[in-house]
Amino acid sequence: MVDAPDNTKNKHPDTLTRVIFRRGVTVNLGNYNSERIDVGIEPVCGSTVKKINGTYDWARDWVLKRLDDEVGDLDIPEGD
């Protein structure tokens, strides 16, 4: 987790901040076929560094779990 320098801390903690986390992967399905899967989420949170960092961690975990589930659902042929 990264703490913001003192001069960048939000002086208005009542404002809202949108945190964006996206991740994607291209999976080789064999026989010159591939599939691209992208998952992302944009939750809104308070504007303190603590709330932003916590929301980012939650968003990252959420996206990575969903991406792993989506890749697991693909019909990938077994290698010879």
C-alpha atoms as a PDB file:
ATOM      1  CA  MET A   1       0.000   0.000   0.000  1.00  0.00           C
ATOM      2  CA  VAL A   2       1.302   3.464  -0.859  1.00  0.00           C
ATOM      3  CA  ASP A   3       0.760   6.478   1.382  1.00  0.00           C
ATOM      4  CA  ALA A   4       0.280   9.813  -0.323  1.00  0.00           C
ATOM      5  CA  PRO A   5       2.800  12.552   0.414  1.00  0.00           C
ATOM      6  CA  ASP A   6       1.415  15.189   2.820  1.00  0.00           C
ATOM      7  CA  ASN A   7       0.973  17.748   0.042  1.00  0.00           C
ATOM      8  CA  THR A   8      -1.326  15.440  -1.984  1.00  0.00           C
ATOM      9  CA  LYS A   9      -3.752  14.422   0.788  1.00  0.00           C
ATOM     10  CA  ASN A  10      -7.314  15.439   0.047  1.00  0.00           C
ATOM     11  CA  LYS A  11      -8.368  18.460   2.070  1.00  0.00           C
ATOM     12  CA  HIS A  12     -12.053  17.552   1.442  1.00  0.00           C
ATOM     13  CA  PRO A  13     -12.564  13.994   2.763  1.00  0.00           C
ATOM     14  CA  ASP A  14     -16.328  14.248   2.231  1.00  0.00           C
ATOM     15  CA  THR A  15     -15.918  14.119  -1.546  1.00  0.00           C
ATOM     16  CA  LEU A  16     -16.190  10.836  -3.428  1.00  0.00           C
ATOM     17  CA  THR A  17     -13.483   9.137  -5.439  1.00  0.00           C
ATOM     18  CA  ARG A  18     -13.911   6.548  -8.170  1.00  0.00           C
ATOM     19  CA  VAL A  19     -11.352   3.740  -7.976  1.00  0.00           C
ATOM     20  CA  ILE A  20     -10.831   1.760 -11.181  1.00  0.00           C
ATOM     21  CA  PHE A  21      -9.246  -1.679 -11.456  1.00  0.00           C
ATOM     22  CA  ARG A  22      -9.235  -3.669 -14.680  1.00  0.00           C
ATOM     23  CA  ARG A  23      -7.371  -6.757 -15.765  1.00  0.00           C
ATOM     24  CA  GLY A  24      -7.496  -8.857 -18.883  1.00  0.00           C
ATOM     25  CA  VAL A  25      -5.969 -11.964 -20.337  1.00  0.00           C
ATOM     26  CA  THR A  26      -5.797 -13.543 -23.779  1.00  0.00           C
ATOM     27  CA  VAL A  27      -6.072 -17.325 -23.643  1.00  0.00           C
ATOM     28  CA  ASN A  28      -4.786 -19.578 -26.422  1.00  0.00           C
ATOM     29  CA  LEU A  29      -7.554 -22.055 -27.224  1.00  0.00           C
ATOM     30  CA  GLY A  30      -5.427 -24.014 -29.690  1.00  0.00           C
ATOM     31  CA  ASN A  31      -5.871 -24.460 -33.457  1.00  0.00           C
ATOM     32  CA  TYR A  32      -5.044 -20.734 -34.021  1.00  0.00           C
ATOM     33  CA  ASN A  33      -7.932 -19.601 -31.828  1.00  0.00           C
ATOM     34  CA  SER A  34      -7.785 -17.369 -28.797  1.00  0.00           C
ATOM     35  CA  GLU A  35     -10.208 -15.542 -26.552  1.00  0.00           C
ATOM     36  CA  ARG A  36      -9.751 -12.228 -24.762  1.00  0.00           C
ATOM     37  CA  ILE A  37     -11.412 -11.773 -21.374  1.00  0.00           C
ATOM     38  CA  ASP A  38     -11.469  -8.418 -19.582  1.00  0.00           C
ATOM     39  CA  VAL A  39     -12.977  -7.770 -16.152  1.00  0.00           C
ATOM     40  CA  GLY A  40     -13.178  -4.424 -14.404  1.00  0.00           C
ATOM     41  CA  ILE A  41     -14.988  -2.595 -11.664  1.00  0.00           C
ATOM     42  CA  GLU A  42     -15.290   1.082 -10.711  1.00  0.00           C
ATOM     43  CA  PRO A  43     -16.426   1.358  -7.079  1.00  0.00           C
ATOM     44  CA  VAL A  44     -16.913   4.751  -5.434  1.00  0.00           C
ATOM     45  CA  CYS A  45     -15.511   5.510  -1.993  1.00  0.00           C
ATOM     46  CA  GLY A  46     -14.554   8.366   0.292  1.00  0.00           C
ATOM     47  CA  SER A  47     -11.514  10.403  -0.651  1.00  0.00           C
ATOM     48  CA  THR A  48      -9.181   9.644   2.229  1.00  0.00           C
ATOM     49  CA  VAL A  49      -6.058   7.705   1.377  1.00  0.00           C
ATOM     50  CA  LYS A  50      -7.120   4.925   3.758  1.00  0.00           C
ATOM     51  CA  LYS A  51     -10.524   4.526   2.056  1.00  0.00           C
ATOM     52  CA  ILE A  52      -9.013   4.672  -1.439  1.00  0.00           C
ATOM     53  CA  ASN A  53      -6.382   2.048  -0.594  1.00  0.00           C
ATOM     54  CA  GLY A  54      -8.975  -0.237   1.009  1.00  0.00           C
ATOM     55  CA  THR A  55     -11.329   0.112  -1.946  1.00  0.00           C
ATOM     56  CA  TYR A  56      -8.494  -0.541  -4.386  1.00  0.00           C
ATOM     57  CA  ASP A  57      -7.513  -3.725  -2.529  1.00  0.00           C
ATOM     58  CA  TRP A  58     -11.143  -4.883  -2.523  1.00  0.00           C
ATOM     59  CA  ALA A  59     -11.571  -4.074  -6.248  1.00  0.00           C
ATOM     60  CA  ARG A  60      -8.334  -5.882  -7.160  1.00  0.00           C
ATOM     61  CA  ASP A  61      -9.366  -9.011  -5.248  1.00  0.00           C
ATOM     62  CA  TRP A  62     -12.859  -8.908  -6.796  1.00  0.00           C
ATOM     63  CA  VAL A  63     -11.564  -8.520 -10.360  1.00  0.00           C
ATOM     64  CA  LEU A  64      -8.862 -11.175 -10.064  1.00  0.00           C
ATOM     65  CA  LYS A  65     -11.350 -13.699  -8.621  1.00  0.00           C
ATOM     66  CA  ARG A  66     -13.862 -13.028 -11.423  1.00  0.00           C
ATOM     67  CA  LEU A  67     -11.163 -13.217 -14.092  1.00  0.00           C
ATOM     68  CA  ASP A  68      -9.936 -16.531 -12.697  1.00  0.00           C
ATOM     69  CA  ASP A  69     -13.531 -17.843 -12.707  1.00  0.00           C
ATOM     70  CA  GLU A  70     -14.055 -16.723 -16.321  1.00  0.00           C
ATOM     71  CA  VAL A  71     -10.827 -18.351 -17.524  1.00  0.00           C
ATOM     72  CA  GLY A  72     -11.792 -21.521 -15.645  1.00  0.00           C
ATOM     73  CA  ASP A  73     -15.116 -21.591 -17.511  1.00  0.00           C
ATOM     74  CA  LEU A  74     -13.407 -21.650 -20.930  1.00  0.00           C
ATOM     75  CA  ASP A  75     -13.371 -24.879 -22.908  1.00  0.00           C
ATOM     76  CA  ILE A  76      -9.614 -25.178 -23.349  1.00  0.00           C
ATOM     77  CA  PRO A  77      -8.493 -28.351 -25.118  1.00  0.00           C
ATOM     78  CA  GLU A  78      -5.960 -30.514 -23.279  1.00  0.00           C
ATOM     79  CA  GLY A  79      -2.430 -30.507 -24.728  1.00  0.00           C
ATOM     80  CA  ASP A  80      -1.256 -33.599 -26.595  1.00  0.00           C
END
